[in-house]
């Protein structure tokens, strides 16, 4: 089929098409914006009302005087303070075998000696004691270990019972050390 429309008419039709297309986009955009506005308007009003209610409650609570503390609350506070003092004082009076004590024993240990147990006790009369159990290959090695501990400054007294020397080799020993 032959196109009988003149060129100017074709241009006018194309321009009219673009104008109609732009108007259609504008109408669709306006309608979408209107729907968005209508959809968000209730949530905006609800949040605004909630904000006003919260601010009003906050204002009234700020203006209210603080309630007086009753006897039951004072008793609970006193009880809680006594429990906290008990916990704090228990931590102060606790004897913890420290890294310092263990290092003092390990540094003086002869390579042949095997330490199997380190325990401690706190006695009000005798002071703080550390007890060491282990195995020594001979009497001489055990004596040198005891001498090394006595020469150190970490312990006030080193007790090695004579019963540890009954066996000649592979001696299971027990040492009692009193801390400075």
N, C-alpha and C. Protein backbone atom coordinates (compact mmCIF):
# COMPACT_ATOMS: atom_id res chain seq x y z
N UNK A 1 0.82 -1.16 0.00
CA UNK A 1 0.00 0.00 0.00
C UNK A 1 0.87 1.24 0.00
N UNK A 2 0.43 2.21 -0.70
CA UNK A 2 1.20 3.43 -0.87
C UNK A 2 0.82 4.40 0.24
N UNK A 3 1.84 5.02 0.79
CA UNK A 3 1.63 5.98 1.85
C UNK A 3 1.30 7.33 1.21
N UNK A 4 0.08 7.82 1.38
CA UNK A 4 -0.36 9.04 0.73
C UNK A 4 -0.37 10.23 1.67
N UNK A 5 0.08 10.05 2.91
CA UNK A 5 0.10 11.15 3.87
C UNK A 5 1.34 11.99 3.60
N UNK A 6 1.15 13.31 3.54
CA UNK A 6 2.31 14.16 3.30
C UNK A 6 3.25 14.14 4.50
N UNK A 7 4.50 14.56 4.27
CA UNK A 7 5.55 14.52 5.30
C UNK A 7 5.20 15.41 6.48
N UNK A 8 4.62 16.54 6.26
CA UNK A 8 4.28 17.43 7.37
C UNK A 8 3.22 16.81 8.25
N UNK A 9 2.26 16.16 7.63
CA UNK A 9 1.22 15.47 8.39
C UNK A 9 1.84 14.35 9.23
N UNK A 10 2.81 13.63 8.62
CA UNK A 10 3.49 12.55 9.36
C UNK A 10 4.20 13.12 10.59
N UNK A 11 4.88 14.25 10.42
CA UNK A 11 5.61 14.86 11.55
C UNK A 11 4.62 15.29 12.63
N UNK A 12 3.50 15.89 12.20
CA UNK A 12 2.50 16.34 13.16
C UNK A 12 1.93 15.13 13.93
N UNK A 13 1.69 14.02 13.25
CA UNK A 13 1.18 12.81 13.90
C UNK A 13 2.20 12.28 14.91
N UNK A 14 3.47 12.28 14.54
CA UNK A 14 4.53 11.80 15.45
C UNK A 14 4.63 12.71 16.67
N UNK A 15 4.58 14.03 16.47
CA UNK A 15 4.64 14.99 17.58
C UNK A 15 3.43 14.80 18.48
N UNK A 16 2.24 14.64 17.89
CA UNK A 16 1.04 14.41 18.69
C UNK A 16 1.17 13.11 19.50
N UNK A 17 1.75 12.08 18.89
CA UNK A 17 1.96 10.81 19.59
C UNK A 17 2.84 11.02 20.82
N UNK A 18 3.93 11.75 20.67
CA UNK A 18 4.83 11.99 21.81
C UNK A 18 4.13 12.82 22.87
N UNK A 19 3.34 13.83 22.46
CA UNK A 19 2.61 14.63 23.44
C UNK A 19 1.64 13.74 24.23
N UNK A 20 0.90 12.89 23.54
CA UNK A 20 -0.04 11.99 24.20
C UNK A 20 0.70 11.01 25.13
N UNK A 21 1.85 10.54 24.69
CA UNK A 21 2.65 9.61 25.51
C UNK A 21 3.13 10.30 26.79
N UNK A 22 3.61 11.54 26.66
CA UNK A 22 4.09 12.30 27.83
C UNK A 22 2.92 12.57 28.77
N UNK A 23 1.77 12.94 28.25
CA UNK A 23 0.60 13.19 29.08
C UNK A 23 0.19 11.90 29.80
N UNK A 24 0.22 10.78 29.09
CA UNK A 24 -0.11 9.49 29.70
C UNK A 24 0.84 9.16 30.85
N UNK A 25 2.16 9.37 30.65
CA UNK A 25 3.14 9.13 31.72
C UNK A 25 2.87 10.04 32.91
N UNK A 26 2.54 11.30 32.65
CA UNK A 26 2.26 12.26 33.71
C UNK A 26 1.02 11.82 34.51
N UNK A 27 -0.03 11.39 33.81
CA UNK A 27 -1.25 10.94 34.48
C UNK A 27 -0.97 9.68 35.32
N UNK A 28 -0.24 8.73 34.78
CA UNK A 28 0.09 7.50 35.53
C UNK A 28 0.95 7.84 36.74
N UNK A 29 1.95 8.73 36.57
CA UNK A 29 2.79 9.15 37.69
C UNK A 29 1.99 9.86 38.76
N UNK A 30 1.08 10.75 38.35
CA UNK A 30 0.24 11.47 39.32
C UNK A 30 -0.66 10.50 40.07
N UNK A 31 -1.24 9.56 39.35
CA UNK A 31 -2.10 8.56 39.99
C UNK A 31 -1.31 7.70 40.98
N UNK A 32 -0.11 7.29 40.61
CA UNK A 32 0.74 6.49 41.51
C UNK A 32 1.11 7.29 42.74
N UNK A 33 1.46 8.56 42.58
CA UNK A 33 1.80 9.42 43.72
C UNK A 33 0.59 9.57 44.64
N UNK A 34 -0.60 9.74 44.05
CA UNK A 34 -1.81 9.88 44.84
C UNK A 34 -2.08 8.61 45.65
N UNK A 35 -1.92 7.44 45.04
CA UNK A 35 -2.11 6.16 45.73
C UNK A 35 -1.09 6.02 46.87
N UNK A 36 0.17 6.37 46.60
CA UNK A 36 1.22 6.32 47.62
C UNK A 36 0.87 7.25 48.78
N UNK A 37 0.42 8.46 48.47
CA UNK A 37 0.08 9.44 49.50
C UNK A 37 -1.09 8.93 50.35
N UNK A 38 -2.11 8.39 49.70
CA UNK A 38 -3.27 7.87 50.43
C UNK A 38 -2.87 6.67 51.28
N UNK A 39 -1.96 5.84 50.80
CA UNK A 39 -1.55 4.65 51.55
C UNK A 39 -0.70 5.01 52.77
N UNK A 40 0.12 6.04 52.69
CA UNK A 40 1.00 6.39 53.81
C UNK A 40 0.38 7.40 54.76
N UNK A 41 -0.68 8.06 54.38
CA UNK A 41 -1.30 9.08 55.22
C UNK A 41 -1.80 8.50 56.55
N UNK A 42 -2.47 7.35 56.61
CA UNK A 42 -2.91 6.83 57.91
C UNK A 42 -1.75 6.48 58.84
N UNK A 43 -0.70 5.89 58.32
CA UNK A 43 0.43 5.54 59.19
C UNK A 43 1.12 6.81 59.71
N UNK A 44 1.14 7.85 58.91
CA UNK A 44 1.72 9.12 59.36
C UNK A 44 0.90 9.69 60.51
N UNK A 45 -0.43 9.68 60.35
CA UNK A 45 -1.29 10.20 61.41
C UNK A 45 -1.17 9.35 62.68
N UNK A 46 -1.12 8.02 62.53
CA UNK A 46 -0.98 7.15 63.70
C UNK A 46 0.33 7.39 64.44
N UNK A 47 1.42 7.49 63.71
CA UNK A 47 2.71 7.73 64.37
C UNK A 47 2.74 9.12 65.00
N UNK A 48 2.10 10.09 64.38
CA UNK A 48 2.03 11.44 64.94
C UNK A 48 1.23 11.43 66.24
N UNK A 49 0.11 10.73 66.25
CA UNK A 49 -0.72 10.65 67.45
C UNK A 49 0.04 9.91 68.56
N UNK A 50 0.70 8.79 68.23
CA UNK A 50 1.49 8.05 69.23
C UNK A 50 2.59 8.92 69.81
N UNK A 51 3.25 9.68 68.96
CA UNK A 51 4.32 10.57 69.42
C UNK A 51 3.76 11.61 70.39
N UNK A 52 2.62 12.17 70.08
CA UNK A 52 2.00 13.16 70.98
C UNK A 52 1.61 12.52 72.30
N UNK A 53 1.07 11.30 72.27
CA UNK A 53 0.68 10.61 73.50
C UNK A 53 1.90 10.32 74.37
N UNK A 54 2.98 9.85 73.75
CA UNK A 54 4.20 9.55 74.50
C UNK A 54 4.78 10.82 75.11
N UNK A 55 4.81 11.90 74.36
CA UNK A 55 5.32 13.17 74.89
C UNK A 55 4.45 13.68 76.03
N UNK A 56 3.14 13.50 75.93
CA UNK A 56 2.24 13.91 76.99
C UNK A 56 2.48 13.09 78.26
N UNK A 57 2.62 11.75 78.12
CA UNK A 57 2.90 10.90 79.28
C UNK A 57 4.24 11.24 79.92
N UNK A 58 5.24 11.51 79.08
CA UNK A 58 6.56 11.87 79.60
C UNK A 58 6.49 13.17 80.38
N UNK A 59 5.74 14.12 79.87
CA UNK A 59 5.58 15.40 80.58
C UNK A 59 4.90 15.23 81.91
N UNK A 60 3.85 14.40 81.97
CA UNK A 60 3.16 14.19 83.24
C UNK A 60 4.04 13.42 84.23
N UNK A 61 4.84 12.47 83.74
CA UNK A 61 5.72 11.73 84.65
C UNK A 61 6.84 12.60 85.19
N UNK A 62 7.30 13.56 84.38
CA UNK A 62 8.34 14.46 84.86
C UNK A 62 7.80 15.38 85.95
N UNK A 63 6.53 15.74 85.86
CA UNK A 63 5.94 16.65 86.84
C UNK A 63 5.54 15.95 88.13
N UNK A 64 5.39 14.62 88.12
CA UNK A 64 5.02 13.88 89.32
C UNK A 64 6.18 13.83 90.30
N UNK A 65 5.91 13.95 91.60
CA UNK A 65 6.99 13.82 92.58
C UNK A 65 7.41 12.35 92.68
N UNK A 66 8.67 12.14 93.05
CA UNK A 66 9.19 10.78 93.22
C UNK A 66 8.52 10.15 94.44
N UNK A 67 8.09 8.89 94.35
CA UNK A 67 7.45 8.25 95.50
C UNK A 67 8.48 7.98 96.60
N UNK A 68 8.00 8.05 97.82
CA UNK A 68 8.88 7.77 98.96
C UNK A 68 9.14 6.27 99.02
N UNK A 69 10.33 5.92 99.49
CA UNK A 69 10.71 4.51 99.58
C UNK A 69 10.07 3.93 100.83
N UNK A 70 9.36 2.83 100.68
CA UNK A 70 8.70 2.20 101.82
C UNK A 70 9.66 1.27 102.55
N UNK A 71 9.20 0.74 103.67
CA UNK A 71 10.05 -0.09 104.52
C UNK A 71 10.47 -1.39 103.83
N UNK A 72 9.59 -1.95 103.04
CA UNK A 72 9.92 -3.20 102.37
C UNK A 72 11.05 -2.99 101.36
N UNK A 73 11.00 -1.89 100.64
CA UNK A 73 12.06 -1.59 99.68
C UNK A 73 13.38 -1.36 100.41
N UNK A 74 13.33 -0.64 101.54
CA UNK A 74 14.56 -0.42 102.32
C UNK A 74 15.13 -1.75 102.82
N UNK A 75 14.26 -2.66 103.22
CA UNK A 75 14.72 -3.96 103.69
C UNK A 75 15.37 -4.76 102.56
N UNK A 76 14.79 -4.69 101.37
CA UNK A 76 15.37 -5.40 100.22
C UNK A 76 16.73 -4.81 99.88
N UNK A 77 16.85 -3.48 99.91
CA UNK A 77 18.13 -2.82 99.61
C UNK A 77 19.18 -3.21 100.65
N UNK A 78 18.79 -3.21 101.92
CA UNK A 78 19.73 -3.57 102.98
C UNK A 78 20.20 -5.02 102.83
N UNK A 79 19.28 -5.90 102.52
CA UNK A 79 19.60 -7.32 102.32
C UNK A 79 20.55 -7.50 101.14
N UNK A 80 20.27 -6.80 100.06
CA UNK A 80 21.13 -6.87 98.88
C UNK A 80 22.52 -6.34 99.18
N UNK A 81 22.62 -5.23 99.92
CA UNK A 81 23.93 -4.68 100.28
C UNK A 81 24.71 -5.65 101.16
N UNK A 82 24.03 -6.33 102.08
CA UNK A 82 24.74 -7.29 102.93
C UNK A 82 25.26 -8.47 102.11
N UNK A 83 24.46 -8.91 101.13
CA UNK A 83 24.92 -10.01 100.27
C UNK A 83 26.11 -9.58 99.42
N UNK A 84 26.06 -8.35 98.91
CA UNK A 84 27.18 -7.85 98.11
C UNK A 84 28.44 -7.71 98.96
N UNK A 85 28.30 -7.23 100.20
CA UNK A 85 29.46 -7.14 101.09
C UNK A 85 30.04 -8.52 101.37
N UNK A 86 29.17 -9.50 101.55
CA UNK A 86 29.64 -10.87 101.80
C UNK A 86 30.45 -11.39 100.62
N UNK A 87 29.98 -11.13 99.41
CA UNK A 87 30.70 -11.59 98.21
C UNK A 87 32.03 -10.85 98.08
N UNK A 88 32.03 -9.54 98.31
CA UNK A 88 33.27 -8.76 98.19
C UNK A 88 34.30 -9.19 99.23
N UNK A 89 33.86 -9.41 100.47
CA UNK A 89 34.79 -9.82 101.52
C UNK A 89 35.29 -11.24 101.30
N UNK A 90 34.46 -12.10 100.76
CA UNK A 90 34.91 -13.47 100.47
C UNK A 90 36.00 -13.45 99.42
N UNK A 91 35.90 -12.56 98.47
CA UNK A 91 36.92 -12.46 97.42
C UNK A 91 38.24 -11.92 98.01
N UNK A 92 38.16 -11.02 98.99
CA UNK A 92 39.37 -10.46 99.60
C UNK A 92 40.10 -11.50 100.44
N UNK A 93 39.34 -12.32 101.17
CA UNK A 93 39.94 -13.30 102.08
C UNK A 93 40.34 -14.60 101.39
N UNK A 94 40.09 -14.70 100.15
CA UNK A 94 40.37 -15.93 99.42
C UNK A 94 41.86 -16.01 99.11
N UNK A 95 42.44 -17.17 99.37
CA UNK A 95 43.84 -17.39 99.05
C UNK A 95 43.92 -18.08 97.71
N UNK A 96 44.47 -17.40 96.76
CA UNK A 96 44.58 -17.95 95.41
C UNK A 96 46.04 -18.30 95.17
N UNK A 97 46.28 -19.54 94.81
CA UNK A 97 47.64 -19.92 94.47
C UNK A 97 47.97 -19.21 93.17
N UNK A 98 48.94 -18.38 93.24
CA UNK A 98 49.17 -17.48 92.12
C UNK A 98 50.24 -18.02 91.18
N UNK A 99 50.31 -17.33 90.10
CA UNK A 99 51.32 -17.65 89.09
C UNK A 99 52.72 -17.49 89.69
N UNK A 100 52.83 -16.55 90.61
CA UNK A 100 54.12 -16.30 91.26
C UNK A 100 54.59 -17.53 92.04
N UNK A 101 53.69 -18.16 92.78
CA UNK A 101 54.06 -19.33 93.58
C UNK A 101 54.40 -20.51 92.68
N UNK A 102 53.59 -20.73 91.67
CA UNK A 102 53.85 -21.85 90.75
C UNK A 102 55.16 -21.63 90.02
N UNK A 103 55.40 -20.41 89.58
CA UNK A 103 56.66 -20.12 88.89
C UNK A 103 57.86 -20.32 89.82
N UNK A 104 57.71 -19.95 91.11
CA UNK A 104 58.81 -20.13 92.05
C UNK A 104 59.14 -21.61 92.20
N UNK A 105 58.13 -22.46 92.21
CA UNK A 105 58.36 -23.91 92.33
C UNK A 105 58.96 -24.45 91.04
N UNK A 106 58.41 -24.06 89.91
CA UNK A 106 58.85 -24.59 88.62
C UNK A 106 60.29 -24.15 88.32
N UNK A 107 60.64 -22.92 88.65
CA UNK A 107 61.99 -22.44 88.36
C UNK A 107 63.05 -23.17 89.19
N UNK A 108 62.68 -23.60 90.39
CA UNK A 108 63.64 -24.30 91.25
C UNK A 108 63.65 -25.81 91.00
N UNK A 109 62.72 -26.29 90.20
CA UNK A 109 62.58 -27.73 89.97
C UNK A 109 63.78 -28.26 89.18
N UNK A 110 64.30 -29.37 89.64
CA UNK A 110 65.38 -30.07 88.95
C UNK A 110 64.74 -30.85 87.79
N UNK A 111 65.42 -30.94 86.63
CA UNK A 111 64.80 -31.58 85.46
C UNK A 111 64.33 -33.02 85.69
N UNK A 112 64.98 -33.77 86.56
CA UNK A 112 64.60 -35.18 86.76
C UNK A 112 63.36 -35.35 87.63
N UNK A 113 62.97 -34.31 88.35
CA UNK A 113 61.83 -34.41 89.26
C UNK A 113 60.53 -34.20 88.49
N UNK A 114 59.55 -35.05 88.79
CA UNK A 114 58.21 -34.90 88.19
C UNK A 114 57.24 -34.49 89.29
N UNK A 115 56.61 -33.34 89.12
CA UNK A 115 55.62 -32.87 90.09
C UNK A 115 54.25 -33.38 89.64
N UNK A 116 53.57 -34.07 90.55
CA UNK A 116 52.26 -34.65 90.21
C UNK A 116 51.11 -33.87 90.81
N UNK A 117 51.34 -33.11 91.88
CA UNK A 117 50.24 -32.41 92.52
C UNK A 117 50.76 -31.18 93.24
N UNK A 118 50.05 -30.08 93.09
CA UNK A 118 50.30 -28.87 93.86
C UNK A 118 48.97 -28.48 94.48
N UNK A 119 48.95 -28.41 95.82
CA UNK A 119 47.73 -28.00 96.52
C UNK A 119 48.10 -26.93 97.54
N UNK A 120 47.08 -26.24 98.01
CA UNK A 120 47.33 -25.17 98.98
C UNK A 120 46.28 -25.21 100.06
N UNK A 121 46.64 -24.63 101.20
CA UNK A 121 45.69 -24.50 102.30
C UNK A 121 46.01 -23.23 103.06
N UNK A 122 44.98 -22.65 103.61
CA UNK A 122 45.15 -21.42 104.38
C UNK A 122 44.72 -21.70 105.81
N UNK A 123 45.67 -21.60 106.73
CA UNK A 123 45.40 -21.86 108.13
C UNK A 123 45.69 -20.57 108.90
N UNK A 124 44.80 -20.20 109.82
CA UNK A 124 45.00 -18.94 110.55
C UNK A 124 46.21 -19.01 111.48
N UNK A 125 46.56 -20.19 111.97
CA UNK A 125 47.71 -20.32 112.87
C UNK A 125 49.02 -20.50 112.11
N UNK A 126 49.02 -21.38 111.13
CA UNK A 126 50.26 -21.71 110.42
C UNK A 126 50.51 -20.83 109.21
N UNK A 127 49.50 -20.15 108.73
CA UNK A 127 49.66 -19.32 107.54
C UNK A 127 49.27 -20.06 106.28
N UNK A 128 49.68 -19.54 105.17
CA UNK A 128 49.34 -20.12 103.88
C UNK A 128 50.41 -21.12 103.47
N UNK A 129 49.95 -22.33 103.16
CA UNK A 129 50.89 -23.41 102.82
C UNK A 129 50.61 -23.93 101.43
N UNK A 130 51.68 -24.34 100.76
CA UNK A 130 51.58 -25.00 99.47
C UNK A 130 52.18 -26.38 99.64
N UNK A 131 51.45 -27.40 99.22
CA UNK A 131 51.92 -28.78 99.32
C UNK A 131 52.22 -29.31 97.93
N UNK A 132 53.38 -29.92 97.79
CA UNK A 132 53.81 -30.44 96.50
C UNK A 132 54.04 -31.94 96.63
N UNK A 133 53.52 -32.69 95.68
CA UNK A 133 53.78 -34.13 95.62
C UNK A 133 54.39 -34.43 94.26
N UNK A 134 55.27 -35.43 94.26
CA UNK A 134 55.90 -35.78 93.00
C UNK A 134 56.76 -37.01 93.13
N UNK A 135 57.56 -37.23 92.09
CA UNK A 135 58.45 -38.39 92.04
C UNK A 135 59.86 -37.90 91.73
N UNK A 136 60.82 -38.34 92.55
CA UNK A 136 62.23 -37.99 92.34
C UNK A 136 62.99 -39.28 92.04
N UNK A 137 63.97 -39.22 91.12
CA UNK A 137 64.70 -40.44 90.76
C UNK A 137 65.63 -40.93 91.87
N UNK A 138 66.14 -40.00 92.73
CA UNK A 138 67.06 -40.44 93.78
C UNK A 138 66.97 -39.48 94.97
N UNK A 139 67.61 -39.88 96.08
CA UNK A 139 67.63 -39.04 97.28
C UNK A 139 68.39 -37.75 97.05
N UNK A 140 69.50 -37.85 96.31
CA UNK A 140 70.34 -36.67 96.07
C UNK A 140 69.57 -35.61 95.27
N UNK A 141 68.83 -36.04 94.27
CA UNK A 141 68.05 -35.10 93.45
C UNK A 141 66.97 -34.44 94.30
N UNK A 142 66.33 -35.22 95.17
CA UNK A 142 65.29 -34.69 96.05
C UNK A 142 65.88 -33.67 97.02
N UNK A 143 67.06 -33.99 97.58
CA UNK A 143 67.71 -33.05 98.49
C UNK A 143 68.10 -31.76 97.78
N UNK A 144 68.58 -31.86 96.55
CA UNK A 144 68.96 -30.65 95.82
C UNK A 144 67.73 -29.80 95.49
N UNK A 145 66.59 -30.43 95.23
CA UNK A 145 65.35 -29.69 94.98
C UNK A 145 64.91 -28.97 96.25
N UNK A 146 64.96 -29.67 97.38
CA UNK A 146 64.60 -29.03 98.65
C UNK A 146 65.53 -27.87 98.96
N UNK A 147 66.83 -28.05 98.72
CA UNK A 147 67.81 -27.00 98.98
C UNK A 147 67.55 -25.78 98.09
N UNK A 148 67.20 -26.01 96.85
CA UNK A 148 66.91 -24.91 95.93
C UNK A 148 65.68 -24.13 96.39
N UNK A 149 64.67 -24.84 96.90
CA UNK A 149 63.48 -24.15 97.40
C UNK A 149 63.79 -23.36 98.67
N UNK A 150 64.64 -23.91 99.53
CA UNK A 150 65.01 -23.19 100.75
C UNK A 150 65.83 -21.95 100.44
N UNK A 151 66.67 -22.02 99.42
CA UNK A 151 67.51 -20.87 99.06
C UNK A 151 66.69 -19.73 98.46
N UNK A 152 65.54 -20.02 97.90
CA UNK A 152 64.69 -18.99 97.30
C UNK A 152 64.03 -18.14 98.37
N UNK A 153 63.53 -16.98 97.96
CA UNK A 153 62.91 -16.05 98.91
C UNK A 153 61.39 -16.17 98.96
N UNK A 154 60.80 -17.01 98.14
CA UNK A 154 59.33 -17.09 98.07
C UNK A 154 58.74 -17.85 99.24
N UNK A 155 59.54 -18.72 99.89
CA UNK A 155 59.00 -19.57 100.94
C UNK A 155 59.73 -19.34 102.24
N UNK A 156 58.96 -19.26 103.32
CA UNK A 156 59.52 -19.04 104.64
C UNK A 156 60.09 -20.33 105.21
N UNK A 157 59.42 -21.44 104.93
CA UNK A 157 59.84 -22.73 105.49
C UNK A 157 59.55 -23.83 104.47
N UNK A 158 60.49 -24.77 104.36
CA UNK A 158 60.34 -25.91 103.46
C UNK A 158 60.49 -27.17 104.31
N UNK A 159 59.41 -27.96 104.39
CA UNK A 159 59.43 -29.19 105.18
C UNK A 159 59.43 -30.39 104.25
N UNK A 160 60.44 -31.25 104.43
CA UNK A 160 60.53 -32.49 103.68
C UNK A 160 60.60 -33.62 104.71
N UNK A 161 59.53 -34.36 104.90
CA UNK A 161 59.52 -35.42 105.92
C UNK A 161 60.60 -36.47 105.65
N UNK A 162 61.15 -37.01 106.73
CA UNK A 162 62.22 -38.01 106.64
C UNK A 162 61.70 -39.30 106.01
N UNK A 163 60.39 -39.53 106.07
CA UNK A 163 59.83 -40.76 105.50
C UNK A 163 59.96 -40.78 103.98
N UNK A 164 60.25 -39.64 103.38
CA UNK A 164 60.45 -39.61 101.93
C UNK A 164 61.75 -40.29 101.51
N UNK A 165 62.67 -40.50 102.47
CA UNK A 165 63.98 -41.05 102.13
C UNK A 165 64.07 -42.56 102.36
N UNK A 166 62.96 -43.23 102.60
CA UNK A 166 62.99 -44.67 102.85
C UNK A 166 63.44 -45.41 101.60
N UNK A 167 62.86 -45.06 100.46
CA UNK A 167 63.24 -45.70 99.21
C UNK A 167 64.51 -45.06 98.67
N UNK A 168 65.28 -45.81 97.91
CA UNK A 168 66.52 -45.30 97.34
C UNK A 168 66.34 -44.67 95.97
N UNK A 169 65.35 -45.16 95.20
CA UNK A 169 65.13 -44.61 93.86
C UNK A 169 63.62 -44.55 93.59
N UNK A 170 63.26 -43.75 92.60
CA UNK A 170 61.84 -43.50 92.27
C UNK A 170 61.05 -43.17 93.54
N UNK A 171 61.49 -42.14 94.21
CA UNK A 171 60.92 -41.75 95.50
C UNK A 171 59.67 -40.90 95.27
N UNK A 172 58.58 -41.33 95.89
CA UNK A 172 57.39 -40.49 95.89
C UNK A 172 57.51 -39.57 97.10
N UNK A 173 57.61 -38.27 96.84
CA UNK A 173 57.87 -37.32 97.93
C UNK A 173 56.68 -36.41 98.16
N UNK A 174 56.72 -35.78 99.34
CA UNK A 174 55.70 -34.83 99.76
C UNK A 174 56.43 -33.67 100.41
N UNK A 175 56.29 -32.47 99.85
CA UNK A 175 56.92 -31.27 100.40
C UNK A 175 55.84 -30.32 100.89
N UNK A 176 56.11 -29.67 102.01
CA UNK A 176 55.19 -28.67 102.54
C UNK A 176 55.93 -27.34 102.60
N UNK A 177 55.40 -26.33 101.92
CA UNK A 177 56.05 -25.02 101.83
C UNK A 177 55.16 -23.97 102.49
N UNK A 178 55.75 -23.17 103.39
CA UNK A 178 55.01 -22.08 104.03
C UNK A 178 55.40 -20.80 103.30
N UNK A 179 54.39 -20.06 102.87
CA UNK A 179 54.64 -18.83 102.10
C UNK A 179 55.06 -17.69 103.00
N UNK A 180 55.82 -16.79 102.43
CA UNK A 180 56.25 -15.58 103.15
C UNK A 180 55.07 -14.70 103.47
